[in-house]
């Protein structure tokens, strides 16, 4: 019998919200914070990829997130 995991658990962030204060003069590429999420699935189904979606404030114009580490940098 071979039991294979399905992707049935969503990623969960370690914190409910994150807050950071940055200087208006922060250089491009300045680390702001790192978000962390975990997934209870096993093997390939527990890999978390991070992404910032565009919104009405154009957040993706000001920040970049490393898709594998969750490190958020100024853009």
Protein backbone atom coordinates (compact mmCIF):
# COMPACT_ATOMS: atom_id res chain seq x y z
CA UNK A 1 0.00 0.00 0.00
CA UNK A 2 1.34 3.41 -0.98
CA UNK A 3 -0.21 6.50 0.59
CA UNK A 4 0.44 9.78 -1.17
CA UNK A 5 -0.03 13.18 0.44
CA UNK A 6 -2.41 15.64 -1.20
CA UNK A 7 -2.18 19.40 -0.90
CA UNK A 8 -4.99 19.73 1.65
CA UNK A 9 -3.42 22.08 4.21
CA UNK A 10 -3.07 25.80 3.46
CA UNK A 11 0.06 27.70 4.49
CA UNK A 12 -0.23 29.49 7.84
CA UNK A 13 1.76 32.61 8.73
CA UNK A 14 3.62 32.55 12.07
CA UNK A 15 2.11 35.96 12.91
CA UNK A 16 -1.37 37.29 12.19
CA UNK A 17 0.07 40.65 11.11
CA UNK A 18 3.44 42.28 10.61
CA UNK A 19 4.44 45.88 11.21
CA UNK A 20 7.61 47.69 10.28
CA UNK A 21 8.72 51.32 10.27
CA UNK A 22 11.08 52.45 7.51
CA UNK A 23 12.77 55.74 6.82
CA UNK A 24 11.53 57.63 3.77
CA UNK A 25 15.18 57.76 2.70
CA UNK A 26 15.67 53.98 2.83
CA UNK A 27 17.77 52.83 -0.12
CA UNK A 28 16.34 50.45 -2.73
CA UNK A 29 17.05 46.91 -1.58
CA UNK A 30 16.85 47.73 2.13
CA UNK A 31 15.52 44.71 4.06
CA UNK A 32 12.20 45.62 5.70
CA UNK A 33 11.14 42.36 7.36
CA UNK A 34 10.83 38.65 6.78
CA UNK A 35 7.49 36.87 6.83
CA UNK A 36 7.34 33.17 7.65
CA UNK A 37 4.62 30.68 6.80
CA UNK A 38 4.52 26.92 7.29
CA UNK A 39 2.46 24.22 5.63
CA UNK A 40 1.52 20.94 7.36
CA UNK A 41 1.52 18.97 4.12
CA UNK A 42 4.47 16.70 3.43
CA UNK A 43 7.19 16.69 0.78
CA UNK A 44 6.57 18.89 -2.27
CA UNK A 45 3.15 19.99 -1.00
CA UNK A 46 4.63 21.89 1.96
CA UNK A 47 6.82 24.26 -0.06
CA UNK A 48 5.73 27.86 0.48
CA UNK A 49 6.20 30.53 -2.21
CA UNK A 50 5.69 34.18 -1.31
CA UNK A 51 4.28 36.90 -3.56
CA UNK A 52 3.11 40.51 -3.20
CA UNK A 53 -0.02 41.22 -5.20
CA UNK A 54 -0.70 44.65 -6.67
CA UNK A 55 -3.33 46.64 -4.83
CA UNK A 56 -4.83 50.13 -4.91
CA UNK A 57 -1.76 51.50 -3.08
CA UNK A 58 0.57 49.84 -5.64
CA UNK A 59 2.46 48.07 -2.83
CA UNK A 60 4.40 46.02 -5.37
CA UNK A 61 5.92 49.29 -6.68
CA UNK A 62 7.51 49.93 -3.28
CA UNK A 63 8.37 46.44 -2.05
CA UNK A 64 9.81 43.20 -3.40
CA UNK A 65 9.54 39.82 -1.68
CA UNK A 66 11.94 36.94 -2.17
CA UNK A 67 9.58 34.16 -3.26
CA UNK A 68 11.39 31.43 -1.34
CA UNK A 69 12.61 33.14 1.85
CA UNK A 70 9.81 35.67 2.51
CA UNK A 71 12.33 38.50 2.91
CA UNK A 72 10.69 41.81 1.98
CA UNK A 73 12.93 44.54 0.55
CA UNK A 74 12.30 48.09 -0.59
CA UNK A 75 12.00 48.37 -4.37
